[in-house]
Amino acid sequence: MQIDPVVVLAEELRSTESALRGAVKQYERDNRRENGEAVNTILASLKSLHREFFETIPTSVLGAAELIRMVAQRLPFAHANSARRFHDIADRLGAGQRDHADLVWLRAMRGALAGGLCGEHGVKVAPLLRLAIMGASRPIIVFRAVFPPETDSLEDDFRATRPH
């Protein structure tokens, strides 16, 4: 099974943000033109990654958890309680636990965010939450291999334990 594309994007985003921090520090130290160009290149890469996030549907609850964490990180401080709940849900999804009440709350929050609950911030992150809900609500297919019992050994065991 392939890894969720959102999980891969999230890891790329984290590494790119780390590279940006390093490039900015280097540019602040020596103000060289090459370092400024490196910062601009990394910023363009970040912009592209963010665009991909808004277009990629997660294929698992792990990908949905990553998107929900992104939503929580982009909420204003005044909505810290909602951000905490988003993080709690993302933690449960990351652990493989899907709860119906969480999905209901996420759907209600998506509508509220799209309606302007957090102002411009909410309107911007509502599409991410929509994608997360699509990934979290996907049916899970569990394949279990069932092997038929060996009839010879079971019959022999039964005969051996039966009194004559």
C-alpha atoms as a PDB file:
ATOM      1  CA  MET A   1       0.000   0.000   0.000  1.00  0.00           C
ATOM      2  CA  GLN A   2       1.299   3.444  -0.889  1.00  0.00           C
ATOM      3  CA  ILE A   3       1.907   6.049   1.779  1.00  0.00           C
ATOM      4  CA  ASP A   4      -0.638   8.838   2.051  1.00  0.00           C
ATOM      5  CA  PRO A   5       0.450  11.741  -0.215  1.00  0.00           C
ATOM      6  CA  VAL A   6      -0.473  14.280   2.480  1.00  0.00           C
ATOM      7  CA  VAL A   7       1.936  12.628   4.922  1.00  0.00           C
ATOM      8  CA  VAL A   8       4.700  12.928   2.330  1.00  0.00           C
ATOM      9  CA  LEU A   9       3.803  16.581   1.679  1.00  0.00           C
ATOM     10  CA  ALA A  10       3.790  17.327   5.411  1.00  0.00           C
ATOM     11  CA  GLU A  11       7.288  15.907   5.784  1.00  0.00           C
ATOM     12  CA  GLU A  12       8.487  17.897   2.767  1.00  0.00           C
ATOM     13  CA  LEU A  13       6.925  21.026   4.258  1.00  0.00           C
ATOM     14  CA  ARG A  14       8.676  20.496   7.598  1.00  0.00           C
ATOM     15  CA  SER A  15      12.059  19.938   5.964  1.00  0.00           C
ATOM     16  CA  THR A  16      11.605  22.943   3.655  1.00  0.00           C
ATOM     17  CA  GLU A  17      10.656  25.177   6.593  1.00  0.00           C
ATOM     18  CA  SER A  18      13.764  23.970   8.412  1.00  0.00           C
ATOM     19  CA  ALA A  19      15.895  24.763   5.362  1.00  0.00           C
ATOM     20  CA  LEU A  20      14.303  28.213   5.204  1.00  0.00           C
ATOM     21  CA  ARG A  21      15.213  28.928   8.832  1.00  0.00           C
ATOM     22  CA  GLY A  22      18.814  27.961   8.107  1.00  0.00           C
ATOM     23  CA  ALA A  23      18.972  30.027   4.930  1.00  0.00           C
ATOM     24  CA  VAL A  24      17.525  33.091   6.653  1.00  0.00           C
ATOM     25  CA  LYS A  25      20.068  32.810   9.477  1.00  0.00           C
ATOM     26  CA  GLN A  26      22.872  32.533   6.940  1.00  0.00           C
ATOM     27  CA  TYR A  27      21.556  35.547   5.016  1.00  0.00           C
ATOM     28  CA  GLU A  28      21.274  37.605   8.214  1.00  0.00           C
ATOM     29  CA  ARG A  29      24.906  36.818   9.051  1.00  0.00           C
ATOM     30  CA  ASP A  30      26.541  37.871   5.800  1.00  0.00           C
ATOM     31  CA  ASN A  31      23.884  39.501   3.550  1.00  0.00           C
ATOM     32  CA  ARG A  32      25.347  37.847   0.469  1.00  0.00           C
ATOM     33  CA  ARG A  33      23.301  37.897  -2.708  1.00  0.00           C
ATOM     34  CA  GLU A  34      23.541  34.097  -3.161  1.00  0.00           C
ATOM     35  CA  ASN A  35      22.001  33.542   0.259  1.00  0.00           C
ATOM     36  CA  GLY A  36      19.176  35.955  -0.543  1.00  0.00           C
ATOM     37  CA  GLU A  37      18.484  34.035  -3.741  1.00  0.00           C
ATOM     38  CA  ALA A  38      18.474  30.783  -1.778  1.00  0.00           C
ATOM     39  CA  VAL A  39      15.865  32.247   0.587  1.00  0.00           C
ATOM     40  CA  ASN A  40      13.714  33.297  -2.381  1.00  0.00           C
ATOM     41  CA  THR A  41      14.017  29.836  -3.960  1.00  0.00           C
ATOM     42  CA  ILE A  42      12.973  28.138  -0.725  1.00  0.00           C
ATOM     43  CA  LEU A  43      10.049  30.557  -0.331  1.00  0.00           C
ATOM     44  CA  ALA A  44       8.867  29.672  -3.841  1.00  0.00           C
ATOM     45  CA  SER A  45       9.127  25.991  -2.932  1.00  0.00           C
ATOM     46  CA  LEU A  46       7.058  26.590   0.221  1.00  0.00           C
ATOM     47  CA  LYS A  47       4.403  28.379  -1.816  1.00  0.00           C
ATOM     48  CA  SER A  48       4.210  25.414  -4.171  1.00  0.00           C
ATOM     49  CA  LEU A  49       3.946  22.939  -1.278  1.00  0.00           C
ATOM     50  CA  HIS A  50       1.130  24.932   0.311  1.00  0.00           C
ATOM     51  CA  ARG A  51      -0.718  24.970  -3.009  1.00  0.00           C
ATOM     52  CA  GLU A  52      -0.379  21.179  -3.218  1.00  0.00           C
ATOM     53  CA  PHE A  53      -1.831  20.837   0.279  1.00  0.00           C
ATOM     54  CA  PHE A  54      -4.995  22.593  -0.837  1.00  0.00           C
ATOM     55  CA  GLU A  55      -5.358  20.199  -3.789  1.00  0.00           C
ATOM     56  CA  THR A  56      -4.429  16.823  -2.273  1.00  0.00           C
ATOM     57  CA  ILE A  57      -7.057  14.570  -0.725  1.00  0.00           C
ATOM     58  CA  PRO A  58      -5.658  12.375   2.044  1.00  0.00           C
ATOM     59  CA  THR A  59      -6.017   8.650   1.480  1.00  0.00           C
ATOM     60  CA  SER A  60      -5.865   7.726   5.167  1.00  0.00           C
ATOM     61  CA  VAL A  61      -6.619   9.008   8.636  1.00  0.00           C
ATOM     62  CA  LEU A  62      -2.905   9.804   9.020  1.00  0.00           C
ATOM     63  CA  GLY A  63      -3.093  12.292   6.166  1.00  0.00           C
ATOM     64  CA  ALA A  64      -6.311  13.721   7.572  1.00  0.00           C
ATOM     65  CA  ALA A  65      -4.574  14.171  10.934  1.00  0.00           C
ATOM     66  CA  GLU A  66      -1.785  16.171   9.257  1.00  0.00           C
ATOM     67  CA  LEU A  67      -4.301  18.502   7.608  1.00  0.00           C
ATOM     68  CA  ILE A  68      -6.218  18.962  10.858  1.00  0.00           C
ATOM     69  CA  ARG A  69      -2.972  19.913  12.614  1.00  0.00           C
ATOM     70  CA  MET A  70      -2.339  22.494   9.891  1.00  0.00           C
ATOM     71  CA  VAL A  71      -5.811  23.936  10.449  1.00  0.00           C
ATOM     72  CA  ALA A  72      -5.219  24.137  14.209  1.00  0.00           C
ATOM     73  CA  GLN A  73      -1.883  25.899  13.741  1.00  0.00           C
ATOM     74  CA  ARG A  74      -3.446  28.562  11.558  1.00  0.00           C
ATOM     75  CA  LEU A  75      -6.261  29.544  13.904  1.00  0.00           C
ATOM     76  CA  PRO A  76      -5.942  32.848  15.782  1.00  0.00           C
ATOM     77  CA  PHE A  77      -5.058  32.752  19.486  1.00  0.00           C
ATOM     78  CA  ALA A  78      -8.610  33.798  20.411  1.00  0.00           C
ATOM     79  CA  HIS A  79      -9.740  30.329  19.266  1.00  0.00           C
ATOM     80  CA  ALA A  80      -7.213  28.352  21.310  1.00  0.00           C
ATOM     81  CA  ASN A  81      -9.930  26.036  22.682  1.00  0.00           C
ATOM     82  CA  SER A  82     -10.943  25.024  19.183  1.00  0.00           C
ATOM     83  CA  ALA A  83      -7.289  24.580  18.221  1.00  0.00           C
ATOM     84  CA  ARG A  84      -6.799  22.294  21.224  1.00  0.00           C
ATOM     85  CA  ARG A  85      -9.782  20.199  20.140  1.00  0.00           C
ATOM     86  CA  PHE A  86      -8.398  20.013  16.596  1.00  0.00           C
ATOM     87  CA  HIS A  87      -5.076  18.770  17.998  1.00  0.00           C
ATOM     88  CA  ASP A  88      -6.845  16.179  20.169  1.00  0.00           C
ATOM     89  CA  ILE A  89      -8.765  14.874  17.166  1.00  0.00           C
ATOM     90  CA  ALA A  90      -5.594  14.814  15.060  1.00  0.00           C
ATOM     91  CA  ASP A  91      -3.842  12.825  17.797  1.00  0.00           C
ATOM     92  CA  ARG A  92      -6.662  10.276  17.862  1.00  0.00           C
ATOM     93  CA  LEU A  93      -6.675   9.983  14.080  1.00  0.00           C
ATOM     94  CA  GLY A  94      -2.900   9.628  14.080  1.00  0.00           C
ATOM     95  CA  ALA A  95      -3.322   6.728  16.500  1.00  0.00           C
ATOM     96  CA  GLY A  96      -5.812   5.115  14.103  1.00  0.00           C
ATOM     97  CA  GLN A  97      -8.934   5.926  16.134  1.00  0.00           C
ATOM     98  CA  ARG A  98     -11.907   7.321  14.276  1.00  0.00           C
ATOM     99  CA  ASP A  99     -14.769   8.565  16.394  1.00  0.00           C
ATOM    100  CA  HIS A 100     -18.123   9.509  14.922  1.00  0.00           C
ATOM    101  CA  ALA A 101     -18.447  12.468  17.309  1.00  0.00           C
ATOM    102  CA  ASP A 102     -15.120  13.838  16.057  1.00  0.00           C
ATOM    103  CA  LEU A 103     -16.281  13.673  12.442  1.00  0.00           C
ATOM    104  CA  VAL A 104     -19.546  15.431  13.336  1.00  0.00           C
ATOM    105  CA  TRP A 105     -17.629  18.183  15.171  1.00  0.00           C
ATOM    106  CA  LEU A 106     -15.183  18.594  12.274  1.00  0.00           C
ATOM    107  CA  ARG A 107     -18.053  18.964   9.805  1.00  0.00           C
ATOM    108  CA  ALA A 108     -19.722  21.562  12.009  1.00  0.00           C
ATOM    109  CA  MET A 109     -16.453  23.470  12.390  1.00  0.00           C
ATOM    110  CA  ARG A 110     -15.821  23.401   8.646  1.00  0.00           C
ATOM    111  CA  GLY A 111     -19.149  25.120   8.097  1.00  0.00           C
ATOM    112  CA  ALA A 112     -18.453  27.626  10.850  1.00  0.00           C
ATOM    113  CA  LEU A 113     -14.962  28.409   9.541  1.00  0.00           C
ATOM    114  CA  ALA A 114     -16.220  28.812   5.987  1.00  0.00           C
ATOM    115  CA  GLY A 115     -18.916  31.102   7.358  1.00  0.00           C
ATOM    116  CA  GLY A 116     -16.323  33.382   8.914  1.00  0.00           C
ATOM    117  CA  LEU A 117     -16.093  32.115  12.513  1.00  0.00           C
ATOM    118  CA  CYS A 118     -12.394  33.068  12.711  1.00  0.00           C
ATOM    119  CA  GLY A 119     -12.586  35.798  10.132  1.00  0.00           C
ATOM    120  CA  GLU A 120     -10.213  35.600   7.209  1.00  0.00           C
ATOM    121  CA  HIS A 121      -8.150  32.860   8.893  1.00  0.00           C
ATOM    122  CA  GLY A 122     -11.180  30.578   9.085  1.00  0.00           C
ATOM    123  CA  VAL A 123     -12.187  31.127   5.497  1.00  0.00           C
ATOM    124  CA  LYS A 124      -8.648  30.270   4.363  1.00  0.00           C
ATOM    125  CA  VAL A 125      -8.377  27.003   6.330  1.00  0.00           C
ATOM    126  CA  ALA A 126     -11.918  25.717   5.696  1.00  0.00           C
ATOM    127  CA  PRO A 127     -10.859  24.034   2.411  1.00  0.00           C
ATOM    128  CA  LEU A 128      -8.079  22.172   4.263  1.00  0.00           C
ATOM    129  CA  LEU A 129     -10.595  20.963   6.806  1.00  0.00           C
ATOM    130  CA  ARG A 130     -12.905  19.819   4.002  1.00  0.00           C
ATOM    131  CA  LEU A 131     -10.077  17.708   2.563  1.00  0.00           C
ATOM    132  CA  ALA A 132      -9.261  16.330   6.019  1.00  0.00           C
ATOM    133  CA  ILE A 133     -12.870  15.285   6.537  1.00  0.00           C
ATOM    134  CA  MET A 134     -12.863  13.546   3.163  1.00  0.00           C
ATOM    135  CA  GLY A 135      -9.789  11.568   4.197  1.00  0.00           C
ATOM    136  CA  ALA A 136     -10.994  10.789   7.724  1.00  0.00           C
ATOM    137  CA  SER A 137     -14.391   9.584   6.570  1.00  0.00           C
ATOM    138  CA  ARG A 138     -13.107   7.171   3.917  1.00  0.00           C
ATOM    139  CA  PRO A 139     -14.148   3.596   4.554  1.00  0.00           C
ATOM    140  CA  ILE A 140     -11.460   1.341   5.919  1.00  0.00           C
ATOM    141  CA  ILE A 141     -10.977  -1.970   4.174  1.00  0.00           C
ATOM    142  CA  VAL A 142      -9.514  -4.680   6.342  1.00  0.00           C
ATOM    143  CA  PHE A 143      -8.267  -7.802   4.641  1.00  0.00           C
ATOM    144  CA  ARG A 144      -7.887 -10.826   6.806  1.00  0.00           C
ATOM    145  CA  ALA A 145      -6.576 -14.067   5.486  1.00  0.00           C
ATOM    146  CA  VAL A 146      -8.514 -17.018   6.814  1.00  0.00           C
ATOM    147  CA  PHE A 147      -6.976 -20.404   6.409  1.00  0.00           C
ATOM    148  CA  PRO A 148      -9.211 -23.480   6.591  1.00  0.00           C
ATOM    149  CA  PRO A 149      -8.365 -25.750   9.514  1.00  0.00           C
ATOM    150  CA  GLU A 150      -6.448 -28.866   8.789  1.00  0.00           C
ATOM    151  CA  THR A 151      -9.152 -31.495   9.105  1.00  0.00           C
ATOM    152  CA  ASP A 152      -6.817 -34.451   9.512  1.00  0.00           C
ATOM    153  CA  SER A 153      -5.081 -33.152  12.607  1.00  0.00           C
ATOM    154  CA  LEU A 154      -8.330 -31.997  14.234  1.00  0.00           C
ATOM    155  CA  GLU A 155      -9.999 -35.356  13.714  1.00  0.00           C
ATOM    156  CA  ASP A 156      -6.951 -37.130  15.079  1.00  0.00           C
ATOM    157  CA  ASP A 157      -6.928 -34.873  18.127  1.00  0.00           C
ATOM    158  CA  PHE A 158     -10.630 -35.522  18.686  1.00  0.00           C
ATOM    159  CA  ARG A 159     -10.183 -39.301  18.423  1.00  0.00           C
ATOM    160  CA  ALA A 160      -7.257 -39.241  20.815  1.00  0.00           C
ATOM    161  CA  THR A 161      -9.229 -37.420  23.513  1.00  0.00           C
ATOM    162  CA  ARG A 162     -12.394 -39.482  23.138  1.00  0.00           C
ATOM    163  CA  PRO A 163     -12.724 -42.531  25.440  1.00  0.00           C
ATOM    164  CA  HIS A 164     -12.872 -45.875  23.680  1.00  0.00           C
END
